[in-house]
């Protein structure tokens, strides 16, 4: 990393037409400026840290960060070894540098997070909430709650900072297994009233200007792994994020902001490989290898809109979803100017999925909500349009894809060019208009390649309107 310079990565992208849309995601440059870090170096062991995997090193991290802040910035060197710790904050103009063989490891003891051990019976006079956990006295500041969880501090956190980096060949380990068994998601498999515990994310950085994450391995978070939110100039590259495929809600990169570049990463997780949050724009995702996970997702929070997003040269193998955009009535927001190109997939359950009736957190057999609006659901309707998919290759997929709109606000101007899909079932287009397939081939082993339900489609030059091809319910 060039610490003494601010480097703008100007990525000149390929220009291509997008029908009637005047703005195309690949017609503009995306720049991500790297942070400026002073050359001063600070060794964690000089602040009393012990790499024996047993000693608690929170105080050593805190002292080291304070020294860097007092010096006006620098690099905190974490040498080889395992450093057990609880939550600590970063500061501005700081590089947290993990040398090869170094591991920053979260505690595996619930007491260190200020929450009771769910393996022990609760006190007889405990004030239980509906979730089976204690009330507001157990809540603490920091971190990110994820879906339906109280907030407790992330292992590594920071807010409203400038020029921050996490680099090197080491590992950040969240010790998440102790939490997964007691997650809210796991509790759904048990009778009502089964206890669950809140789960922290692993790295939570909010309101950062110029963030660089490079080279590290991030693994086994209790919840989301890397969470940069409301940030500007974010570069994430050459990292590996890994968690078991059944580890609940373990999003790998859950990011929101502007001028975001994510590239050359390998992601194998239990939830979204990448999740783009509402309000994001000017985002480039390229050269990712996605294994287990729920794919590269936009939404479901869309109320502030998302635009100018480019995803290119990414591969998926065994992923639950590939390319996914999701929202629902009440979320609102405009999602547009989205470009996908040069994408390959193998053994992906849903290669392409637009779902404007997303219902994935309702603990039901389907992630598709009601087709017709219910009382009170006539406002804040999401608006999806101007989306392009070019050079898509899919093999061994259960279905080719879905576009599920909302009758009162259909997605439109979505174009597939040079797509070749081999699947068990075809592609569903429901409640959508101006959908174009150009030079596309869908080899469906069962049923027609295209199923329409209240849709208008141009299929390789042939106009199709209305409903045809069979039942849409089998795609739910």
Protein backbone atom coordinates (compact mmCIF):
# COMPACT_ATOMS: atom_id res chain seq x y z
CA UNK A 1 0.00 0.00 0.00
CA UNK A 2 1.36 3.44 -0.91
CA UNK A 3 0.85 5.10 2.43
CA UNK A 4 2.05 8.61 1.63
CA UNK A 5 -0.13 9.23 -1.40
CA UNK A 6 -3.79 9.48 -2.18
CA UNK A 7 -4.26 7.34 -5.23
CA UNK A 8 -7.32 7.63 -7.41
CA UNK A 9 -8.05 4.42 -9.24
CA UNK A 10 -9.64 5.58 -12.46
CA UNK A 11 -11.24 2.59 -14.07
CA UNK A 12 -12.27 3.40 -17.63
CA UNK A 13 -15.12 1.10 -18.45
CA UNK A 14 -16.51 -0.31 -21.66
CA UNK A 15 -19.31 1.70 -23.23
CA UNK A 16 -22.38 -0.05 -24.59
CA UNK A 17 -25.94 1.08 -25.45
CA UNK A 18 -28.87 0.39 -23.17
CA UNK A 19 -31.92 0.91 -25.31
CA UNK A 20 -33.93 3.99 -24.35
CA UNK A 21 -31.96 4.65 -21.20
CA UNK A 22 -29.77 7.75 -21.54
CA UNK A 23 -27.55 6.78 -18.61
CA UNK A 24 -25.49 3.62 -18.74
CA UNK A 25 -23.53 2.16 -15.83
CA UNK A 26 -20.50 1.55 -18.02
CA UNK A 27 -20.31 5.04 -19.54
CA UNK A 28 -18.62 6.64 -16.54
CA UNK A 29 -15.43 6.18 -14.57
CA UNK A 30 -15.50 4.94 -11.00
CA UNK A 31 -12.80 6.30 -8.73
CA UNK A 32 -11.84 5.07 -5.26
CA UNK A 33 -9.20 7.13 -3.48
CA UNK A 34 -6.87 5.26 -1.14
CA UNK A 35 -6.10 6.55 2.36
CA UNK A 36 -3.05 8.55 3.36
CA UNK A 37 -1.20 6.81 6.22
CA UNK A 38 1.97 8.21 7.83
CA UNK A 39 5.03 5.94 7.70
CA UNK A 40 5.36 5.57 11.50
CA UNK A 41 5.14 1.96 12.72
CA UNK A 42 3.91 0.67 16.07
CA UNK A 43 4.30 -2.96 17.17
CA UNK A 44 1.42 -4.40 19.17
CA UNK A 45 3.74 -6.39 21.43
CA UNK A 46 5.33 -3.15 22.62
CA UNK A 47 2.01 -2.38 24.32
CA UNK A 48 1.91 -5.63 26.31
CA UNK A 49 0.17 -7.92 23.84
CA UNK A 50 0.69 -11.67 24.17
CA UNK A 51 0.22 -14.04 21.25
CA UNK A 52 -0.56 -17.17 23.27
CA UNK A 53 -4.26 -17.37 22.17
CA UNK A 54 -5.30 -17.27 25.85
CA UNK A 55 -4.35 -13.86 27.20
CA UNK A 56 -6.83 -11.02 26.69
CA UNK A 57 -5.26 -8.25 24.60
CA UNK A 58 -8.02 -5.64 24.48
CA UNK A 59 -6.03 -3.18 26.60
CA UNK A 60 -2.96 -3.62 24.40
CA UNK A 61 -4.99 -2.80 21.27
CA UNK A 62 -6.54 0.22 22.96
CA UNK A 63 -3.15 1.57 24.11
CA UNK A 64 -1.64 1.04 20.66
CA UNK A 65 -4.49 2.83 18.91
CA UNK A 66 -4.24 5.72 21.37
CA UNK A 67 -0.51 6.03 20.66
CA UNK A 68 -1.17 6.13 16.92
CA UNK A 69 -3.83 8.79 17.41
CA UNK A 70 -1.47 10.91 19.52
CA UNK A 71 1.23 10.58 16.87
CA UNK A 72 -1.09 11.70 14.09
CA UNK A 73 -1.35 8.27 12.48
CA UNK A 74 0.69 5.24 11.51
CA UNK A 75 0.75 1.47 11.02
CA UNK A 76 -0.10 -0.90 13.86
CA UNK A 77 1.90 -4.06 13.19
CA UNK A 78 0.37 -7.28 14.52
CA UNK A 79 3.12 -9.95 14.43
CA UNK A 80 2.56 -13.68 13.91
CA UNK A 81 0.59 -15.34 16.71
CA UNK A 82 -2.98 -15.44 18.01
CA UNK A 83 -4.20 -12.38 19.89
CA UNK A 84 -7.45 -12.91 21.77
CA UNK A 85 -9.43 -9.73 22.34
CA UNK A 86 -12.79 -8.08 22.77
CA UNK A 87 -14.01 -5.00 20.91
CA UNK A 88 -11.62 -2.15 20.12
CA UNK A 89 -11.87 0.97 17.96
CA UNK A 90 -9.62 2.20 15.18
CA UNK A 91 -8.61 5.82 14.65
CA UNK A 92 -8.02 8.08 11.66
CA UNK A 93 -4.85 7.84 9.54
CA UNK A 94 -4.31 4.29 10.76
CA UNK A 95 -3.37 1.01 9.09
CA UNK A 96 -4.10 -2.14 11.08
CA UNK A 97 -1.51 -4.43 9.51
CA UNK A 98 -1.65 -8.18 10.24
CA UNK A 99 1.54 -9.96 9.28
CA UNK A 100 1.37 -13.46 7.82
CA UNK A 101 0.54 -15.90 10.62
CA UNK A 102 -1.11 -13.24 12.78
CA UNK A 103 -4.68 -13.81 14.01
CA UNK A 104 -6.90 -11.37 15.84
CA UNK A 105 -9.41 -13.66 17.54
CA UNK A 106 -12.68 -12.76 19.21
CA UNK A 107 -13.46 -14.14 22.64
CA UNK A 108 -15.55 -17.32 22.86
CA UNK A 109 -16.97 -16.42 26.27
CA UNK A 110 -20.42 -14.82 26.41
CA UNK A 111 -19.49 -12.99 29.62
CA UNK A 112 -16.91 -10.98 27.67
CA UNK A 113 -19.77 -9.59 25.54
CA UNK A 114 -21.83 -8.64 28.58
CA UNK A 115 -24.55 -11.20 27.88
CA UNK A 116 -25.57 -14.28 29.88
CA UNK A 117 -24.42 -17.70 28.78
CA UNK A 118 -27.45 -19.37 27.14
CA UNK A 119 -26.03 -22.76 28.08
CA UNK A 120 -26.76 -21.90 31.71
CA UNK A 121 -30.34 -21.74 33.08
CA UNK A 122 -31.56 -18.15 33.43
CA UNK A 123 -32.07 -16.72 36.94
CA UNK A 124 -35.50 -17.39 38.34
CA UNK A 125 -36.29 -13.65 38.51
CA UNK A 126 -34.90 -12.79 35.05
CA UNK A 127 -36.95 -10.29 33.06
CA UNK A 128 -37.47 -12.19 29.81
CA UNK A 129 -38.44 -10.61 26.51
CA UNK A 130 -40.41 -12.38 23.80
CA UNK A 131 -37.16 -13.62 22.34
CA UNK A 132 -36.18 -15.29 25.59
CA UNK A 133 -33.40 -12.78 26.28
CA UNK A 134 -33.16 -10.12 28.95
CA UNK A 135 -34.57 -6.66 28.33
CA UNK A 136 -32.91 -3.37 27.53
CA UNK A 137 -30.33 -3.72 30.31
CA UNK A 138 -28.47 -6.19 28.09
CA UNK A 139 -28.21 -3.77 25.16
CA UNK A 140 -24.93 -1.98 24.47
CA UNK A 141 -23.66 0.49 21.93
CA UNK A 142 -21.85 -0.08 18.67
CA UNK A 143 -21.82 -2.69 15.96
CA UNK A 144 -24.77 -3.53 13.77
CA UNK A 145 -27.80 -5.59 14.77
CA UNK A 146 -28.27 -7.32 11.42
CA UNK A 147 -31.75 -8.82 11.16
CA UNK A 148 -33.77 -8.79 14.36
CA UNK A 149 -30.81 -8.64 16.76
CA UNK A 150 -29.81 -6.28 19.54
CA UNK A 151 -26.67 -4.24 19.14
CA UNK A 152 -23.45 -5.29 20.82
CA UNK A 153 -20.03 -3.99 19.78
CA UNK A 154 -18.26 -5.33 16.74
CA UNK A 155 -14.81 -6.81 17.31
CA UNK A 156 -13.17 -4.06 15.22
CA UNK A 157 -15.09 -0.83 14.87
CA UNK A 158 -14.79 2.86 14.07
CA UNK A 159 -17.04 5.77 13.20
CA UNK A 160 -16.60 9.07 11.34
CA UNK A 161 -12.93 8.45 10.59
CA UNK A 162 -10.70 9.43 7.68
CA UNK A 163 -7.93 7.40 6.05
CA UNK A 164 -8.28 3.92 7.51
CA UNK A 165 -6.74 0.64 6.30
CA UNK A 166 -6.76 -3.03 7.30
CA UNK A 167 -4.01 -4.85 5.43
CA UNK A 168 -1.60 -7.79 5.45
CA UNK A 169 -1.60 -11.56 5.22
CA UNK A 170 -3.14 -12.35 8.61
CA UNK A 171 -6.60 -13.36 9.80
CA UNK A 172 -9.48 -11.81 11.73
CA UNK A 173 -11.45 -14.63 13.39
CA UNK A 174 -14.86 -13.92 14.93
CA UNK A 175 -15.24 -17.20 16.86
CA UNK A 176 -18.81 -17.25 15.62
CA UNK A 177 -19.66 -20.91 16.28
CA UNK A 178 -20.63 -20.19 19.88
CA UNK A 179 -23.24 -17.73 18.63
CA UNK A 180 -24.65 -19.63 15.63
CA UNK A 181 -26.22 -22.35 17.79
CA UNK A 182 -28.08 -19.69 19.77
CA UNK A 183 -29.06 -17.42 16.87
CA UNK A 184 -32.59 -16.21 16.25
CA UNK A 185 -32.54 -18.17 13.00
CA UNK A 186 -31.61 -21.39 14.78
CA UNK A 187 -34.36 -20.75 17.34
CA UNK A 188 -36.99 -21.04 14.61
CA UNK A 189 -36.30 -24.78 14.49
CA UNK A 190 -37.34 -25.14 18.13
CA UNK A 191 -40.67 -24.70 19.95
CA UNK A 192 -41.69 -21.08 20.67
CA UNK A 193 -39.84 -19.50 23.54
CA UNK A 194 -36.43 -21.00 22.83
CA UNK A 195 -33.74 -18.57 23.94
CA UNK A 196 -31.47 -16.78 21.51
CA UNK A 197 -28.65 -14.30 21.96
CA UNK A 198 -27.75 -11.13 20.06
CA UNK A 199 -24.84 -11.46 17.66
CA UNK A 200 -22.16 -8.86 16.89
CA UNK A 201 -20.74 -8.28 13.45
CA UNK A 202 -16.98 -8.70 13.03
CA UNK A 203 -15.68 -5.49 11.41
CA UNK A 204 -18.08 -2.51 11.48
CA UNK A 205 -16.89 0.82 10.09
CA UNK A 206 -19.36 3.67 9.66
CA UNK A 207 -18.94 7.04 8.01
CA UNK A 208 -15.38 6.41 6.83
CA UNK A 209 -13.70 8.58 4.20
CA UNK A 210 -11.07 6.61 2.32
CA UNK A 211 -11.02 3.00 3.51
CA UNK A 212 -8.71 0.29 2.16
CA UNK A 213 -9.05 -3.40 3.11
CA UNK A 214 -6.40 -5.50 1.38
CA UNK A 215 -5.03 -9.04 1.68
CA UNK A 216 -6.50 -10.24 4.97
CA UNK A 217 -8.67 -13.28 5.67
CA UNK A 218 -11.87 -12.59 7.60
CA UNK A 219 -13.61 -15.64 8.99
CA UNK A 220 -16.31 -17.08 11.26
CA UNK A 221 -18.18 -13.93 12.20
CA UNK A 222 -21.11 -14.35 14.60
CA UNK A 223 -23.09 -12.30 12.05
CA UNK A 224 -21.97 -10.06 9.16
CA UNK A 225 -18.23 -10.10 8.46
CA UNK A 226 -17.16 -6.78 6.90
CA UNK A 227 -19.61 -3.89 7.24
CA UNK A 228 -18.53 -0.50 5.85
CA UNK A 229 -21.61 1.73 5.95
CA UNK A 230 -22.29 5.31 4.82
CA UNK A 231 -18.71 5.62 3.63
CA UNK A 232 -16.94 7.29 0.72
CA UNK A 233 -14.00 5.95 -1.30
CA UNK A 234 -13.97 2.32 -0.21
CA UNK A 235 -11.47 -0.11 -1.74
CA UNK A 236 -11.77 -3.80 -0.78
CA UNK A 237 -9.39 -6.09 -2.65
CA UNK A 238 -7.49 -9.37 -2.50
CA UNK A 239 -9.27 -10.57 0.63
CA UNK A 240 -10.80 -13.91 1.53
CA UNK A 241 -13.96 -14.26 3.62
CA UNK A 242 -14.99 -17.72 4.76
CA UNK A 243 -17.65 -19.21 7.05
CA UNK A 244 -19.65 -22.45 6.96
CA UNK A 245 -22.45 -22.48 4.41
CA UNK A 246 -25.03 -22.97 7.16
CA UNK A 247 -23.68 -20.23 9.45
CA UNK A 248 -26.76 -17.97 9.84
CA UNK A 249 -26.81 -14.42 8.46
CA UNK A 250 -23.06 -14.34 7.90
CA UNK A 251 -23.01 -11.81 5.06
CA UNK A 252 -19.45 -11.49 3.80
CA UNK A 253 -19.36 -7.85 2.63
CA UNK A 254 -22.36 -5.75 3.63
CA UNK A 255 -21.55 -2.31 2.26
CA UNK A 256 -23.21 1.03 1.71
CA UNK A 257 -21.73 4.21 0.31
CA UNK A 258 -20.37 5.93 -2.76
CA UNK A 259 -17.29 5.27 -4.86
CA UNK A 260 -16.97 1.68 -3.71
CA UNK A 261 -14.63 -0.78 -5.47
CA UNK A 262 -14.59 -4.49 -4.53
CA UNK A 263 -12.25 -6.68 -6.55
CA UNK A 264 -10.21 -9.87 -6.65
CA UNK A 265 -11.79 -11.45 -3.56
CA UNK A 266 -12.80 -15.03 -2.74
CA UNK A 267 -16.00 -15.35 -0.73
CA UNK A 268 -17.45 -18.51 0.81
CA UNK A 269 -20.10 -17.68 3.41
CA UNK A 270 -23.51 -18.48 4.86
CA UNK A 271 -25.44 -15.51 3.48
CA UNK A 272 -24.94 -12.74 0.90
CA UNK A 273 -21.49 -12.80 -0.65
CA UNK A 274 -21.89 -9.08 -1.23
CA UNK A 275 -24.90 -7.02 -0.10
CA UNK A 276 -25.26 -3.44 -1.33
CA UNK A 277 -27.23 -1.23 1.00
CA UNK A 278 -29.71 1.51 0.23
CA UNK A 279 -28.24 4.80 -0.95
CA UNK A 280 -25.20 3.22 -2.60
CA UNK A 281 -24.01 4.54 -5.94
CA UNK A 282 -20.87 4.46 -8.06
CA UNK A 283 -20.02 0.87 -7.18
CA UNK A 284 -17.68 -1.46 -9.09
CA UNK A 285 -17.50 -5.17 -8.25
CA UNK A 286 -15.11 -7.18 -10.39
CA UNK A 287 -13.14 -10.42 -10.50
CA UNK A 288 -14.84 -12.04 -7.51
CA UNK A 289 -15.00 -15.78 -6.89
CA UNK A 290 -18.22 -16.61 -5.03
CA UNK A 291 -18.65 -20.09 -3.56
CA UNK A 292 -21.29 -20.79 -0.89
CA UNK A 293 -23.52 -17.84 -0.13
CA UNK A 294 -26.56 -15.96 -1.36
CA UNK A 295 -24.85 -14.16 -4.21
CA UNK A 296 -24.22 -10.52 -5.06
CA UNK A 297 -27.33 -8.80 -3.76
CA UNK A 298 -28.89 -5.36 -4.01
CA UNK A 299 -31.41 -4.68 -1.24
CA UNK A 300 -33.72 -5.50 0.36
CA UNK A 301 -33.34 -2.01 1.88
CA UNK A 302 -33.92 0.23 -1.18
CA UNK A 303 -35.65 3.29 0.28
CA UNK A 304 -32.77 5.65 -0.58
CA UNK A 305 -32.26 4.07 -4.00
CA UNK A 306 -29.23 2.43 -5.62
CA UNK A 307 -27.64 3.38 -8.93
CA UNK A 308 -24.57 3.20 -11.15
CA UNK A 309 -23.55 -0.29 -10.09
CA UNK A 310 -21.22 -2.41 -12.26
CA UNK A 311 -20.58 -6.10 -11.67
CA UNK A 312 -18.20 -7.80 -14.10
CA UNK A 313 -15.94 -10.83 -14.55
CA UNK A 314 -17.30 -12.67 -11.53
CA UNK A 315 -17.72 -16.44 -11.13
CA UNK A 316 -20.15 -18.39 -8.97
CA UNK A 317 -19.90 -22.06 -8.02
CA UNK A 318 -22.43 -23.71 -5.70
CA UNK A 319 -23.89 -20.37 -4.68
CA UNK A 320 -27.52 -20.17 -3.55
CA UNK A 321 -28.19 -17.13 -5.72
CA UNK A 322 -26.08 -15.45 -8.35
CA UNK A 323 -27.19 -11.92 -9.23
CA UNK A 324 -30.06 -10.74 -7.03
CA UNK A 325 -32.08 -7.53 -6.61
CA UNK A 326 -34.76 -7.62 -3.91
CA UNK A 327 -37.24 -5.31 -2.23
CA UNK A 328 -40.93 -5.15 -1.36
CA UNK A 329 -43.88 -2.81 -0.88
CA UNK A 330 -43.11 -0.28 1.82
CA UNK A 331 -39.38 -0.16 1.06
CA UNK A 332 -39.70 2.22 -1.88
CA UNK A 333 -36.69 3.64 -3.70
CA UNK A 334 -35.42 3.62 -7.27
CA UNK A 335 -32.96 0.94 -8.37
CA UNK A 336 -31.54 1.67 -11.80
CA UNK A 337 -28.44 1.95 -13.96
CA UNK A 338 -27.20 -1.54 -13.04
CA UNK A 339 -24.82 -3.45 -15.33
CA UNK A 340 -23.67 -7.09 -15.14
CA UNK A 341 -21.19 -8.49 -17.66
CA UNK A 342 -18.97 -11.52 -18.24
CA UNK A 343 -20.52 -13.66 -15.52
CA UNK A 344 -20.10 -17.45 -15.24
CA UNK A 345 -22.11 -19.73 -12.95
CA UNK A 346 -22.15 -23.42 -12.15
CA UNK A 347 -24.49 -25.26 -9.75
CA UNK A 348 -26.20 -22.01 -8.75
CA UNK A 349 -29.76 -22.45 -7.49
CA UNK A 350 -31.05 -19.13 -8.86
CA UNK A 351 -28.65 -17.56 -11.34
CA UNK A 352 -30.62 -14.34 -11.79
CA UNK A 353 -33.33 -13.12 -9.43
CA UNK A 354 -35.29 -9.88 -9.36
CA UNK A 355 -37.87 -10.09 -6.58
CA UNK A 356 -39.95 -7.00 -5.82
CA UNK A 357 -42.08 -9.02 -3.39
CA UNK A 358 -39.22 -10.26 -1.23
CA UNK A 359 -40.39 -12.09 1.87
CA UNK A 360 -37.21 -13.91 2.87
CA UNK A 361 -37.26 -13.00 6.56
CA UNK A 362 -40.82 -14.14 7.24
CA UNK A 363 -39.93 -17.76 8.12
CA UNK A 364 -42.23 -19.14 5.42
CA UNK A 365 -41.57 -21.83 2.76
CA UNK A 366 -41.24 -19.16 0.04
CA UNK A 367 -39.38 -15.87 -0.24
CA UNK A 368 -42.17 -14.43 -2.41
CA UNK A 369 -44.79 -12.26 -0.73
CA UNK A 370 -48.39 -11.52 -1.79
CA UNK A 371 -48.90 -10.49 -5.39
CA UNK A 372 -51.68 -8.02 -4.67
CA UNK A 373 -51.28 -5.12 -2.29
CA UNK A 374 -52.78 -5.50 1.15
CA UNK A 375 -54.39 -2.57 3.02
CA UNK A 376 -51.79 0.03 3.86
CA UNK A 377 -49.27 -1.24 1.29
CA UNK A 378 -50.02 1.23 -1.49
CA UNK A 379 -47.20 3.65 -0.69
CA UNK A 380 -43.39 3.47 -0.96
CA UNK A 381 -43.42 1.08 -3.91
CA UNK A 382 -39.91 0.21 -5.20
CA UNK A 383 -39.06 1.07 -8.80
CA UNK A 384 -36.59 -1.16 -10.73
CA UNK A 385 -35.51 -0.25 -14.25
CA UNK A 386 -32.63 0.02 -16.71
CA UNK A 387 -30.71 -3.13 -15.87
CA UNK A 388 -28.40 -4.85 -18.32
CA UNK A 389 -26.90 -8.36 -18.29
CA UNK A 390 -24.28 -9.15 -20.94
CA UNK A 391 -22.30 -12.35 -21.55
CA UNK A 392 -23.89 -14.64 -18.96
CA UNK A 393 -23.03 -18.35 -18.93
CA UNK A 394 -24.91 -20.73 -16.62
CA UNK A 395 -24.61 -24.51 -16.32
CA UNK A 396 -26.35 -27.07 -14.09
CA UNK A 397 -28.90 -24.77 -12.52
CA UNK A 398 -32.34 -25.81 -11.18
CA UNK A 399 -33.93 -22.83 -12.92
CA UNK A 400 -32.79 -20.17 -15.36
CA UNK A 401 -34.02 -17.16 -13.42
CA UNK A 402 -36.91 -15.02 -12.21
CA UNK A 403 -38.20 -11.49 -12.63
CA UNK A 404 -41.02 -10.97 -10.13
CA UNK A 405 -42.53 -7.52 -10.29
CA UNK A 406 -45.40 -5.75 -8.60
CA UNK A 407 -48.50 -5.29 -10.76
CA UNK A 408 -48.84 -1.58 -9.92
CA UNK A 409 -45.10 -0.89 -10.48
CA UNK A 410 -43.61 -3.30 -13.00
CA UNK A 411 -39.84 -3.50 -13.47
CA UNK A 412 -38.91 -2.39 -16.99
CA UNK A 413 -36.07 -1.92 -19.46
CA UNK A 414 -34.18 -5.05 -18.47
CA UNK A 415 -32.02 -6.49 -21.22
CA UNK A 416 -30.11 -9.79 -21.52
CA UNK A 417 -27.52 -10.01 -24.29
CA UNK A 418 -25.48 -13.11 -25.15
CA UNK A 419 -26.83 -15.30 -22.37
CA UNK A 420 -26.45 -19.08 -22.49
CA UNK A 421 -28.24 -20.94 -19.70
CA UNK A 422 -28.50 -24.68 -19.09
CA UNK A 423 -31.09 -25.45 -16.41
CA UNK A 424 -33.79 -27.83 -15.27
CA UNK A 425 -36.56 -25.25 -15.64
CA UNK A 426 -36.83 -22.07 -17.66
CA UNK A 427 -37.02 -18.35 -16.89
CA UNK A 428 -40.09 -16.76 -15.27
CA UNK A 429 -41.11 -13.18 -16.11
CA UNK A 430 -44.08 -12.05 -14.02
CA UNK A 431 -45.62 -8.58 -13.76
CA UNK A 432 -42.84 -6.98 -15.80
CA UNK A 433 -42.56 -5.08 -19.07
CA UNK A 434 -40.02 -4.22 -21.75
CA UNK A 435 -37.85 -7.25 -20.97
CA UNK A 436 -35.46 -8.11 -23.81
CA UNK A 437 -33.52 -11.30 -24.53
CA UNK A 438 -31.12 -10.78 -27.44
CA UNK A 439 -28.99 -13.63 -28.77
CA UNK A 440 -29.96 -15.73 -25.77
CA UNK A 441 -30.30 -19.48 -25.35
CA UNK A 442 -32.06 -21.24 -22.47
CA UNK A 443 -31.82 -25.03 -22.54
CA UNK A 444 -34.50 -26.12 -20.06
CA UNK A 445 -34.71 -29.85 -19.38
CA UNK A 446 -38.33 -29.56 -18.24
CA UNK A 447 -40.90 -27.19 -19.71
CA UNK A 448 -40.48 -24.18 -21.97
CA UNK A 449 -37.45 -21.88 -21.78
CA UNK A 450 -39.64 -18.87 -21.00
CA UNK A 451 -42.71 -18.61 -18.74
CA UNK A 452 -44.74 -15.38 -18.88
CA UNK A 453 -47.37 -14.14 -16.47
CA UNK A 454 -48.65 -10.62 -17.19
CA UNK A 455 -45.47 -9.63 -18.97
CA UNK A 456 -44.16 -8.16 -22.22
CA UNK A 457 -40.96 -9.69 -23.57
CA UNK A 458 -38.89 -9.50 -26.73
CA UNK A 459 -37.47 -13.02 -27.04
CA UNK A 460 -34.68 -13.00 -29.67
CA UNK A 461 -36.70 -10.69 -31.91
CA UNK A 462 -40.12 -12.23 -31.25
CA UNK A 463 -42.61 -10.16 -29.25
CA UNK A 464 -44.44 -12.00 -26.47
CA UNK A 465 -47.21 -10.50 -24.37
CA UNK A 466 -49.49 -11.76 -21.65
CA UNK A 467 -49.36 -15.19 -20.02
CA UNK A 468 -47.90 -18.37 -21.47
CA UNK A 469 -45.70 -21.36 -20.68
CA UNK A 470 -47.33 -22.78 -17.58
CA UNK A 471 -47.68 -22.02 -13.89
CA UNK A 472 -45.54 -19.39 -12.18
CA UNK A 473 -46.08 -20.97 -8.77
CA UNK A 474 -43.37 -23.58 -9.31
CA UNK A 475 -40.79 -20.73 -9.42
CA UNK A 476 -41.69 -19.55 -5.93
